[in-house]
Amino acid sequence: MTKLFVGGLMYSKTSQDLKTMFEAFGAVLSAQVIMDKYTNQSKGFGFVEMANDGEAQAAIKALDGSDHEGRRLGVSVAKPREDRPSYSNRGGFNRDYRGGGRNRY
C-alpha cells in the first residue's frame, strides 16, 4: 500500500472526485480531501491510498505537475505525519510568558 499526497486541487473537489481521478491508474483503497474544520471547505489538498506501489508510481508520473482544470497538481508519496506539540494546556502556567511586554518588576 502507498499513501500519496495530492496538492493543488480545486476547492470544489470532493473525496469521490479524487478517488475517481486515481482509479484510472489502479485500485484505490481510500481517498480523502482535507476539509477546514471551521468552514467545512476544502483546503485544496488530500490523500489517496493505493493498493499497489507500481500503480501509485504510475499515477505520480502521470499527474504530478499536470494541469487539472486550470490548476497545477502536485502528487508525491506522502511523508509520515510528524508529532506536533500539544497546545491543550493553554490556560495553565507557561514559564515562557513575559507579560505582554509590560515591565512587571
PDB file of N, CA and C in Angstrom:
ATOM      1  N   MET A   1       0.838  -1.178   0.000  1.00  0.00           N
ATOM      2  CA  MET A   1       0.000   0.000   0.000  1.00  0.00           C
ATOM      3  C   MET A   1       0.888   1.249   0.000  1.00  0.00           C
ATOM      4  N   THR A   2       0.506   2.245  -0.792  1.00  0.00           N
ATOM      5  CA  THR A   2       1.235   3.501  -0.883  1.00  0.00           C
ATOM      6  C   THR A   2       0.264   4.648  -0.656  1.00  0.00           C
ATOM      7  N   LYS A   3       0.653   5.567   0.241  1.00  0.00           N
ATOM      8  CA  LYS A   3      -0.170   6.745   0.506  1.00  0.00           C
ATOM      9  C   LYS A   3       0.431   7.922  -0.253  1.00  0.00           C
ATOM     10  N   LEU A   4      -0.417   8.602  -1.028  1.00  0.00           N
ATOM     11  CA  LEU A   4       0.016   9.729  -1.844  1.00  0.00           C
ATOM     12  C   LEU A   4      -0.559  11.038  -1.311  1.00  0.00           C
ATOM     13  N   PHE A   5       0.231  12.091  -1.410  1.00  0.00           N
ATOM     14  CA  PHE A   5      -0.229  13.452  -1.129  1.00  0.00           C
ATOM     15  C   PHE A   5      -0.601  14.083  -2.465  1.00  0.00           C
ATOM     16  N   VAL A   6      -1.746  14.748  -2.507  1.00  0.00           N
ATOM     17  CA  VAL A   6      -2.201  15.414  -3.731  1.00  0.00           C
ATOM     18  C   VAL A   6      -2.505  16.867  -3.383  1.00  0.00           C
ATOM     19  N   GLY A   7      -1.758  17.791  -3.971  1.00  0.00           N
ATOM     20  CA  GLY A   7      -1.958  19.214  -3.723  1.00  0.00           C
ATOM     21  C   GLY A   7      -2.386  19.928  -4.983  1.00  0.00           C
ATOM     22  N   GLY A   8      -2.934  21.130  -4.810  1.00  0.00           N
ATOM     23  CA  GLY A   8      -3.347  21.938  -5.952  1.00  0.00           C
ATOM     24  C   GLY A   8      -4.741  21.612  -6.444  1.00  0.00           C
ATOM     25  N   LEU A   9      -5.558  20.986  -5.603  1.00  0.00           N
ATOM     26  CA  LEU A   9      -6.915  20.631  -6.015  1.00  0.00           C
ATOM     27  C   LEU A   9      -7.822  21.858  -6.032  1.00  0.00           C
ATOM     28  N   MET A  10      -8.789  21.834  -6.905  1.00  0.00           N
ATOM     29  CA  MET A  10      -9.834  22.856  -6.885  1.00  0.00           C
ATOM     30  C   MET A  10     -10.583  22.702  -5.564  1.00  0.00           C
ATOM     31  N   TYR A  11     -11.017  23.822  -4.994  1.00  0.00           N
ATOM     32  CA  TYR A  11     -11.703  23.775  -3.701  1.00  0.00           C
ATOM     33  C   TYR A  11     -13.069  23.098  -3.792  1.00  0.00           C
ATOM     34  N   SER A  12     -13.583  22.937  -4.987  1.00  0.00           N
ATOM     35  CA  SER A  12     -14.881  22.279  -5.174  1.00  0.00           C
ATOM     36  C   SER A  12     -14.762  20.761  -5.247  1.00  0.00           C
ATOM     37  N   LYS A  13     -13.547  20.219  -5.296  1.00  0.00           N
ATOM     38  CA  LYS A  13     -13.361  18.773  -5.439  1.00  0.00           C
ATOM     39  C   LYS A  13     -13.740  18.040  -4.157  1.00  0.00           C
ATOM     40  N   THR A  14     -14.346  16.870  -4.336  1.00  0.00           N
ATOM     41  CA  THR A  14     -14.746  16.027  -3.216  1.00  0.00           C
ATOM     42  C   THR A  14     -13.825  14.809  -3.136  1.00  0.00           C
ATOM     43  N   SER A  15     -13.963  14.062  -2.062  1.00  0.00           N
ATOM     44  CA  SER A  15     -13.189  12.828  -1.921  1.00  0.00           C
ATOM     45  C   SER A  15     -13.531  11.842  -3.029  1.00  0.00           C
ATOM     46  N   GLN A  16     -14.773  11.803  -3.440  1.00  0.00           N
ATOM     47  CA  GLN A  16     -15.170  10.903  -4.534  1.00  0.00           C
ATOM     48  C   GLN A  16     -14.511  11.333  -5.852  1.00  0.00           C
ATOM     49  N   ASP A  17     -14.420  12.648  -6.106  1.00  0.00           N
ATOM     50  CA  ASP A  17     -13.734  13.143  -7.305  1.00  0.00           C
ATOM     51  C   ASP A  17     -12.268  12.705  -7.302  1.00  0.00           C
ATOM     52  N   LEU A  18     -11.642  12.793  -6.145  1.00  0.00           N
ATOM     53  CA  LEU A  18     -10.236  12.417  -6.009  1.00  0.00           C
ATOM     54  C   LEU A  18     -10.070  10.919  -6.264  1.00  0.00           C
ATOM     55  N   LYS A  19     -10.956  10.124  -5.703  1.00  0.00           N
ATOM     56  CA  LYS A  19     -10.900   8.675  -5.914  1.00  0.00           C
ATOM     57  C   LYS A  19     -11.048   8.342  -7.392  1.00  0.00           C
ATOM     58  N   THR A  20     -12.013   8.972  -8.050  1.00  0.00           N
ATOM     59  CA  THR A  20     -12.253   8.724  -9.473  1.00  0.00           C
ATOM     60  C   THR A  20     -11.018   9.078 -10.313  1.00  0.00           C
ATOM     61  N   MET A  21     -10.355  10.180  -9.963  1.00  0.00           N
ATOM     62  CA  MET A  21      -9.164  10.626 -10.697  1.00  0.00           C
ATOM     63  C   MET A  21      -8.060   9.576 -10.642  1.00  0.00           C
ATOM     64  N   PHE A  22      -7.889   8.918  -9.493  1.00  0.00           N
ATOM     65  CA  PHE A  22      -6.796   7.968  -9.319  1.00  0.00           C
ATOM     66  C   PHE A  22      -7.162   6.546  -9.712  1.00  0.00           C
ATOM     67  N   GLU A  23      -8.447   6.228  -9.802  1.00  0.00           N
ATOM     68  CA  GLU A  23      -8.858   4.884 -10.206  1.00  0.00           C
ATOM     69  C   GLU A  23      -8.422   4.544 -11.628  1.00  0.00           C
ATOM     70  N   ALA A  24      -8.140   5.555 -12.430  1.00  0.00           N
ATOM     71  CA  ALA A  24      -7.651   5.309 -13.787  1.00  0.00           C
ATOM     72  C   ALA A  24      -6.285   4.621 -13.778  1.00  0.00           C
ATOM     73  N   PHE A  25      -5.578   4.670 -12.624  1.00  0.00           N
ATOM     74  CA  PHE A  25      -4.232   4.109 -12.536  1.00  0.00           C
ATOM     75  C   PHE A  25      -4.180   2.806 -11.748  1.00  0.00           C
ATOM     76  N   GLY A  26      -5.279   2.456 -11.061  1.00  0.00           N
ATOM     77  CA  GLY A  26      -5.294   1.215 -10.301  1.00  0.00           C
ATOM     78  C   GLY A  26      -6.271   1.256  -9.139  1.00  0.00           C
ATOM     79  N   ALA A  27      -6.129   0.256  -8.274  1.00  0.00           N
ATOM     80  CA  ALA A  27      -7.041   0.110  -7.132  1.00  0.00           C
ATOM     81  C   ALA A  27      -6.773   1.184  -6.079  1.00  0.00           C
ATOM     82  N   VAL A  28      -7.821   1.928  -5.746  1.00  0.00           N
ATOM     83  CA  VAL A  28      -7.736   2.970  -4.727  1.00  0.00           C
ATOM     84  C   VAL A  28      -8.406   2.444  -3.464  1.00  0.00           C
ATOM     85  N   LEU A  29      -7.635   2.379  -2.372  1.00  0.00           N
ATOM     86  CA  LEU A  29      -8.177   1.908  -1.103  1.00  0.00           C
ATOM     87  C   LEU A  29      -8.977   2.999  -0.405  1.00  0.00           C
ATOM     88  N   SER A  30      -8.480   4.242  -0.477  1.00  0.00           N
ATOM     89  CA  SER A  30      -9.196   5.370   0.117  1.00  0.00           C
ATOM     90  C   SER A  30      -8.730   6.662  -0.532  1.00  0.00           C
ATOM     91  N   ALA A  31      -9.595   7.657  -0.471  1.00  0.00           N
ATOM     92  CA  ALA A  31      -9.266   8.991  -0.977  1.00  0.00           C
ATOM     93  C   ALA A  31      -9.973   9.991  -0.078  1.00  0.00           C
ATOM     94  N   GLN A  32      -9.225  10.999   0.377  1.00  0.00           N
ATOM     95  CA  GLN A  32      -9.819  11.971   1.284  1.00  0.00           C
ATOM     96  C   GLN A  32      -9.309  13.373   0.965  1.00  0.00           C
ATOM     97  N   VAL A  33     -10.245  14.272   0.671  1.00  0.00           N
ATOM     98  CA  VAL A  33      -9.923  15.687   0.540  1.00  0.00           C
ATOM     99  C   VAL A  33      -9.971  16.266   1.948  1.00  0.00           C
ATOM    100  N   ILE A  34      -8.952  17.006   2.331  1.00  0.00           N
ATOM    101  CA  ILE A  34      -8.883  17.572   3.679  1.00  0.00           C
ATOM    102  C   ILE A  34      -9.732  18.838   3.743  1.00  0.00           C
ATOM    103  N   MET A  35     -10.598  18.871   4.757  1.00  0.00           N
ATOM    104  CA  MET A  35     -11.541  19.974   4.927  1.00  0.00           C
ATOM    105  C   MET A  35     -11.153  20.826   6.140  1.00  0.00           C
ATOM    106  N   ASP A  36     -11.401  22.121   6.037  1.00  0.00           N
ATOM    107  CA  ASP A  36     -11.196  23.032   7.163  1.00  0.00           C
ATOM    108  C   ASP A  36     -12.250  22.732   8.225  1.00  0.00           C
ATOM    109  N   LYS A  37     -11.826  22.568   9.467  1.00  0.00           N
ATOM    110  CA  LYS A  37     -12.779  22.157  10.498  1.00  0.00           C
ATOM    111  C   LYS A  37     -13.736  23.267  10.909  1.00  0.00           C
ATOM    112  N   TYR A  38     -13.417  24.521  10.592  1.00  0.00           N
ATOM    113  CA  TYR A  38     -14.295  25.629  10.971  1.00  0.00           C
ATOM    114  C   TYR A  38     -15.273  26.002   9.855  1.00  0.00           C
ATOM    115  N   THR A  39     -14.793  26.012   8.611  1.00  0.00           N
ATOM    116  CA  THR A  39     -15.638  26.437   7.485  1.00  0.00           C
ATOM    117  C   THR A  39     -16.211  25.258   6.705  1.00  0.00           C
ATOM    118  N   ASN A  40     -15.663  24.057   6.939  1.00  0.00           N
ATOM    119  CA  ASN A  40     -16.060  22.849   6.226  1.00  0.00           C
ATOM    120  C   ASN A  40     -15.854  22.973   4.713  1.00  0.00           C
ATOM    121  N   GLN A  41     -14.865  23.776   4.310  1.00  0.00           N
ATOM    122  CA  GLN A  41     -14.490  23.893   2.902  1.00  0.00           C
ATOM    123  C   GLN A  41     -13.163  23.184   2.682  1.00  0.00           C
ATOM    124  N   SER A  42     -12.955  22.734   1.467  1.00  0.00           N
ATOM    125  CA  SER A  42     -11.725  22.052   1.104  1.00  0.00           C
ATOM    126  C   SER A  42     -10.515  22.966   1.329  1.00  0.00           C
ATOM    127  N   LYS A  43      -9.421  22.358   1.751  1.00  0.00           N
ATOM    128  CA  LYS A  43      -8.158  23.093   1.891  1.00  0.00           C
ATOM    129  C   LYS A  43      -7.316  23.008   0.612  1.00  0.00           C
ATOM    130  N   GLY A  44      -7.819  22.296  -0.405  1.00  0.00           N
ATOM    131  CA  GLY A  44      -7.124  22.224  -1.685  1.00  0.00           C
ATOM    132  C   GLY A  44      -6.096  21.113  -1.777  1.00  0.00           C
ATOM    133  N   PHE A  45      -6.106  20.193  -0.802  1.00  0.00           N
ATOM    134  CA  PHE A  45      -5.205  19.046  -0.889  1.00  0.00           C
ATOM    135  C   PHE A  45      -5.885  17.834  -0.265  1.00  0.00           C
ATOM    136  N   GLY A  46      -5.287  16.674  -0.512  1.00  0.00           N
ATOM    137  CA  GLY A  46      -5.855  15.452   0.021  1.00  0.00           C
ATOM    138  C   GLY A  46      -4.862  14.312  -0.028  1.00  0.00           C
ATOM    139  N   PHE A  47      -5.345  13.133   0.338  1.00  0.00           N
ATOM    140  CA  PHE A  47      -4.511  11.937   0.372  1.00  0.00           C
ATOM    141  C   PHE A  47      -5.240  10.790  -0.304  1.00  0.00           C
ATOM    142  N   VAL A  48      -4.467   9.964  -1.005  1.00  0.00           N
ATOM    143  CA  VAL A  48      -5.003   8.795  -1.690  1.00  0.00           C
ATOM    144  C   VAL A  48      -4.144   7.606  -1.285  1.00  0.00           C
ATOM    145  N   GLU A  49      -4.799   6.511  -0.894  1.00  0.00           N
ATOM    146  CA  GLU A  49      -4.090   5.268  -0.606  1.00  0.00           C
ATOM    147  C   GLU A  49      -4.350   4.303  -1.751  1.00  0.00           C
ATOM    148  N   MET A  50      -3.255   3.848  -2.355  1.00  0.00           N
ATOM    149  CA  MET A  50      -3.362   2.907  -3.476  1.00  0.00           C
ATOM    150  C   MET A  50      -2.802   1.558  -3.053  1.00  0.00           C
ATOM    151  N   ALA A  51      -3.442   0.497  -3.537  1.00  0.00           N
ATOM    152  CA  ALA A  51      -3.095  -0.862  -3.125  1.00  0.00           C
ATOM    153  C   ALA A  51      -1.735  -1.308  -3.648  1.00  0.00           C
ATOM    154  N   ASN A  52      -1.343  -0.832  -4.812  1.00  0.00           N
ATOM    155  CA  ASN A  52      -0.153  -1.327  -5.485  1.00  0.00           C
ATOM    156  C   ASN A  52       0.851  -0.187  -5.677  1.00  0.00           C
ATOM    157  N   ASP A  53       2.106  -0.439  -5.279  1.00  0.00           N
ATOM    158  CA  ASP A  53       3.139   0.599  -5.390  1.00  0.00           C
ATOM    159  C   ASP A  53       3.406   0.987  -6.837  1.00  0.00           C
ATOM    160  N   GLY A  54       3.396   0.032  -7.746  1.00  0.00           N
ATOM    161  CA  GLY A  54       3.631   0.322  -9.166  1.00  0.00           C
ATOM    162  C   GLY A  54       2.541   1.216  -9.744  1.00  0.00           C
ATOM    163  N   GLU A  55       1.303   0.955  -9.356  1.00  0.00           N
ATOM    164  CA  GLU A  55       0.194   1.792  -9.808  1.00  0.00           C
ATOM    165  C   GLU A  55       0.292   3.190  -9.227  1.00  0.00           C
ATOM    166  N   ALA A  56       0.723   3.280  -7.970  1.00  0.00           N
ATOM    167  CA  ALA A  56       0.907   4.595  -7.339  1.00  0.00           C
ATOM    168  C   ALA A  56       1.988   5.390  -8.064  1.00  0.00           C
ATOM    169  N   GLN A  57       3.081   4.724  -8.427  1.00  0.00           N
ATOM    170  CA  GLN A  57       4.165   5.409  -9.147  1.00  0.00           C
ATOM    171  C   GLN A  57       3.696   5.866 -10.527  1.00  0.00           C
ATOM    172  N   ALA A  58       2.852   5.070 -11.180  1.00  0.00           N
ATOM    173  CA  ALA A  58       2.308   5.462 -12.486  1.00  0.00           C
ATOM    174  C   ALA A  58       1.419   6.699 -12.340  1.00  0.00           C
ATOM    175  N   ALA A  59       0.642   6.763 -11.255  1.00  0.00           N
ATOM    176  CA  ALA A  59      -0.214   7.922 -11.011  1.00  0.00           C
ATOM    177  C   ALA A  59       0.634   9.169 -10.756  1.00  0.00           C
ATOM    178  N   ILE A  60       1.704   9.020  -9.974  1.00  0.00           N
ATOM    179  CA  ILE A  60       2.599  10.147  -9.717  1.00  0.00           C
ATOM    180  C   ILE A  60       3.191  10.656 -11.025  1.00  0.00           C
ATOM    181  N   LYS A  61       3.697   9.729 -11.827  1.00  0.00           N
ATOM    182  CA  LYS A  61       4.341  10.096 -13.097  1.00  0.00           C
ATOM    183  C   LYS A  61       3.372  10.825 -14.028  1.00  0.00           C
ATOM    184  N   ALA A  62       2.128  10.357 -14.069  1.00  0.00           N
ATOM    185  CA  ALA A  62       1.150  10.946 -14.982  1.00  0.00           C
ATOM    186  C   ALA A  62       0.564  12.259 -14.472  1.00  0.00           C
ATOM    187  N   LEU A  63       0.354  12.364 -13.163  1.00  0.00           N
ATOM    188  CA  LEU A  63      -0.401  13.510 -12.643  1.00  0.00           C
ATOM    189  C   LEU A  63       0.448  14.626 -12.030  1.00  0.00           C
ATOM    190  N   ASP A  64       1.633  14.306 -11.516  1.00  0.00           N
ATOM    191  CA  ASP A  64       2.448  15.341 -10.879  1.00  0.00           C
ATOM    192  C   ASP A  64       2.857  16.410 -11.883  1.00  0.00           C
ATOM    193  N   GLY A  65       2.503  17.650 -11.596  1.00  0.00           N
ATOM    194  CA  GLY A  65       2.830  18.763 -12.481  1.00  0.00           C
ATOM    195  C   GLY A  65       1.836  18.973 -13.608  1.00  0.00           C
ATOM    196  N   SER A  66       0.831  18.113 -13.695  1.00  0.00           N
ATOM    197  CA  SER A  66      -0.144  18.245 -14.771  1.00  0.00           C
ATOM    198  C   SER A  66      -1.160  19.341 -14.469  1.00  0.00           C
ATOM    199  N   ASP A  67      -1.774  19.853 -15.528  1.00  0.00           N
ATOM    200  CA  ASP A  67      -2.805  20.880 -15.394  1.00  0.00           C
ATOM    201  C   ASP A  67      -4.147  20.187 -15.223  1.00  0.00           C
ATOM    202  N   HIS A  68      -4.848  20.532 -14.157  1.00  0.00           N
ATOM    203  CA  HIS A  68      -6.161  19.940 -13.903  1.00  0.00           C
ATOM    204  C   HIS A  68      -7.142  21.072 -13.628  1.00  0.00           C
ATOM    205  N   GLU A  69      -7.964  21.360 -14.626  1.00  0.00           N
ATOM    206  CA  GLU A  69      -8.953  22.432 -14.539  1.00  0.00           C
ATOM    207  C   GLU A  69      -8.317  23.779 -14.166  1.00  0.00           C
ATOM    208  N   GLY A  70      -7.180  24.055 -14.805  1.00  0.00           N
ATOM    209  CA  GLY A  70      -6.522  25.341 -14.615  1.00  0.00           C
ATOM    210  C   GLY A  70      -5.603  25.425 -13.409  1.00  0.00           C
ATOM    211  N   ARG A  71      -5.441  24.336 -12.695  1.00  0.00           N
ATOM    212  CA  ARG A  71      -4.549  24.321 -11.528  1.00  0.00           C
ATOM    213  C   ARG A  71      -3.499  23.238 -11.717  1.00  0.00           C
ATOM    214  N   ARG A  72      -2.298  23.504 -11.242  1.00  0.00           N
ATOM    215  CA  ARG A  72      -1.194  22.554 -11.377  1.00  0.00           C
ATOM    216  C   ARG A  72      -1.212  21.605 -10.185  1.00  0.00           C
ATOM    217  N   LEU A  73      -1.359  20.314 -10.471  1.00  0.00           N
ATOM    218  CA  LEU A  73      -1.384  19.314  -9.415  1.00  0.00           C
ATOM    219  C   LEU A  73       0.024  18.969  -8.954  1.00  0.00           C
ATOM    220  N   GLY A  74       0.139  18.705  -7.685  1.00  0.00           N
ATOM    221  CA  GLY A  74       1.368  18.173  -7.107  1.00  0.00           C
ATOM    222  C   GLY A  74       1.034  16.826  -6.494  1.00  0.00           C
ATOM    223  N   VAL A  75       1.668  15.765  -6.961  1.00  0.00           N
ATOM    224  CA  VAL A  75       1.393  14.418  -6.456  1.00  0.00           C
ATOM    225  C   VAL A  75       2.724  13.790  -6.062  1.00  0.00           C
ATOM    226  N   SER A  76       2.776  13.299  -4.829  1.00  0.00           N
ATOM    227  CA  SER A  76       4.003  12.665  -4.334  1.00  0.00           C
ATOM    228  C   SER A  76       3.648  11.651  -3.262  1.00  0.00           C
ATOM    229  N   VAL A  77       4.628  10.824  -2.916  1.00  0.00           N
ATOM    230  CA  VAL A  77       4.430   9.887  -1.811  1.00  0.00           C
ATOM    231  C   VAL A  77       4.318  10.722  -0.538  1.00  0.00           C
ATOM    232  N   ALA A  78       3.306  10.432   0.265  1.00  0.00           N
ATOM    233  CA  ALA A  78       3.067  11.201   1.488  1.00  0.00           C
ATOM    234  C   ALA A  78       4.155  10.916   2.514  1.00  0.00           C
ATOM    235  N   LYS A  79       4.578  11.957   3.195  1.00  0.00           N
ATOM    236  CA  LYS A  79       5.547  11.805   4.279  1.00  0.00           C
ATOM    237  C   LYS A  79       4.789  11.412   5.544  1.00  0.00           C
ATOM    238  N   PRO A  80       5.447  10.673   6.433  1.00  0.00           N
ATOM    239  CA  PRO A  80       4.777  10.320   7.689  1.00  0.00           C
ATOM    240  C   PRO A  80       4.416  11.582   8.476  1.00  0.00           C
ATOM    241  N   ARG A  81       3.288  11.533   9.160  1.00  0.00           N
ATOM    242  CA  ARG A  81       2.832  12.679   9.936  1.00  0.00           C
ATOM    243  C   ARG A  81       3.775  12.908  11.108  1.00  0.00           C
ATOM    244  N   GLU A  82       4.216  14.153  11.272  1.00  0.00           N
ATOM    245  CA  GLU A  82       5.120  14.498  12.367  1.00  0.00           C
ATOM    246  C   GLU A  82       4.319  14.780  13.624  1.00  0.00           C
ATOM    247  N   ASP A  83       4.911  14.420  14.764  1.00  0.00           N
ATOM    248  CA  ASP A  83       4.277  14.770  16.031  1.00  0.00           C
ATOM    249  C   ASP A  83       4.434  16.265  16.249  1.00  0.00           C
ATOM    250  N   ARG A  84       3.315  16.912  16.544  1.00  0.00           N
ATOM    251  CA  ARG A  84       3.345  18.342  16.817  1.00  0.00           C
ATOM    252  C   ARG A  84       3.107  18.556  18.305  1.00  0.00           C
ATOM    253  N   PRO A  85       3.653  19.632  18.858  1.00  0.00           N
ATOM    254  CA  PRO A  85       3.432  19.875  20.291  1.00  0.00           C
ATOM    255  C   PRO A  85       1.955  20.110  20.583  1.00  0.00           C
ATOM    256  N   SER A  86       1.552  19.652  21.740  1.00  0.00           N
ATOM    257  CA  SER A  86       0.171  19.827  22.161  1.00  0.00           C
ATOM    258  C   SER A  86      -0.001  21.197  22.789  1.00  0.00           C
ATOM    259  N   TYR A  87      -1.075  21.866  22.424  1.00  0.00           N
ATOM    260  CA  TYR A  87      -1.374  23.170  22.998  1.00  0.00           C
ATOM    261  C   TYR A  87      -2.634  23.095  23.846  1.00  0.00           C
ATOM    262  N   SER A  88      -2.907  21.918  24.401  1.00  0.00           N
ATOM    263  CA  SER A  88      -4.136  21.727  25.158  1.00  0.00           C
ATOM    264  C   SER A  88      -4.090  22.388  26.526  1.00  0.00           C
ATOM    265  N   ASN A  89      -2.917  22.784  26.993  1.00  0.00           N
ATOM    266  CA  ASN A  89      -2.782  23.372  28.325  1.00  0.00           C
ATOM    267  C   ASN A  89      -2.634  24.886  28.246  1.00  0.00           C
ATOM    268  N   ARG A  90      -3.384  25.536  27.386  1.00  0.00           N
ATOM    269  CA  ARG A  90      -3.260  26.978  27.199  1.00  0.00           C
ATOM    270  C   ARG A  90      -3.598  27.773  28.459  1.00  0.00           C
ATOM    271  N   GLY A  91      -4.494  27.266  29.257  1.00  0.00           N
ATOM    272  CA  GLY A  91      -4.889  28.003  30.454  1.00  0.00           C
ATOM    273  C   GLY A  91      -3.933  27.813  31.614  1.00  0.00           C
ATOM    274  N   GLY A  92      -2.981  26.920  31.479  1.00  0.00           N
ATOM    275  CA  GLY A  92      -2.059  26.609  32.562  1.00  0.00           C
ATOM    276  C   GLY A  92      -0.862  27.542  32.584  1.00  0.00           C
ATOM    277  N   PHE A  93       0.027  27.277  33.514  1.00  0.00           N
ATOM    278  CA  PHE A  93       1.231  28.088  33.683  1.00  0.00           C
ATOM    279  C   PHE A  93       2.173  27.900  32.507  1.00  0.00           C
ATOM    280  N   ASN A  94       2.689  28.995  31.992  1.00  0.00           N
ATOM    281  CA  ASN A  94       3.642  28.948  30.891  1.00  0.00           C
ATOM    282  C   ASN A  94       4.828  29.799  31.290  1.00  0.00           C
ATOM    283  N   ARG A  95       5.952  29.172  31.590  1.00  0.00           N
ATOM    284  CA  ARG A  95       7.099  29.935  32.095  1.00  0.00           C
ATOM    285  C   ARG A  95       7.738  30.824  31.037  1.00  0.00           C
ATOM    286  N   ASP A  96       7.381  30.620  29.760  1.00  0.00           N
ATOM    287  CA  ASP A  96       7.925  31.467  28.702  1.00  0.00           C
ATOM    288  C   ASP A  96       7.133  32.758  28.529  1.00  0.00           C
ATOM    289  N   TYR A  97       6.018  32.883  29.208  1.00  0.00           N
ATOM    290  CA  TYR A  97       5.183  34.073  29.092  1.00  0.00           C
ATOM    291  C   TYR A  97       5.904  35.248  29.745  1.00  0.00           C
ATOM    292  N   ARG A  98       5.986  36.345  29.029  1.00  0.00           N
ATOM    293  CA  ARG A  98       6.733  37.508  29.526  1.00  0.00           C
ATOM    294  C   ARG A  98       5.840  38.673  29.918  1.00  0.00           C
ATOM    295  N   GLY A  99       4.558  38.465  30.012  1.00  0.00           N
ATOM    296  CA  GLY A  99       3.672  39.524  30.497  1.00  0.00           C
ATOM    297  C   GLY A  99       3.245  40.529  29.448  1.00  0.00           C
ATOM    298  N   GLY A 100       3.312  40.197  28.200  1.00  0.00           N
ATOM    299  CA  GLY A 100       2.807  41.076  27.144  1.00  0.00           C
ATOM    300  C   GLY A 100       3.627  42.339  26.932  1.00  0.00           C
ATOM    301  N   GLY A 101       4.862  42.345  27.352  1.00  0.00           N
ATOM    302  CA  GLY A 101       5.730  43.492  27.089  1.00  0.00           C
ATOM    303  C   GLY A 101       5.742  44.533  28.198  1.00  0.00           C
ATOM    304  N   ARG A 102       4.908  44.403  29.194  1.00  0.00           N
ATOM    305  CA  ARG A 102       4.908  45.367  30.292  1.00  0.00           C
ATOM    306  C   ARG A 102       6.027  45.035  31.273  1.00  0.00           C
ATOM    307  N   ASN A 103       6.591  46.047  31.847  1.00  0.00           N
ATOM    308  CA  ASN A 103       7.590  45.842  32.877  1.00  0.00           C
ATOM    309  C   ASN A 103       6.870  45.526  34.178  1.00  0.00           C
ATOM    310  N   ARG A 104       6.906  44.308  34.595  1.00  0.00           N
ATOM    311  CA  ARG A 104       6.149  43.864  35.753  1.00  0.00           C
ATOM    312  C   ARG A 104       6.949  43.957  37.041  1.00  0.00           C
ATOM    313  N   TYR A 105       8.217  44.326  36.998  1.00  0.00           N
ATOM    314  CA  TYR A 105       9.035  44.321  38.212  1.00  0.00           C
ATOM    315  C   TYR A 105       9.605  45.676  38.493  1.00  0.00           C
TER     316      TYR A 105
END
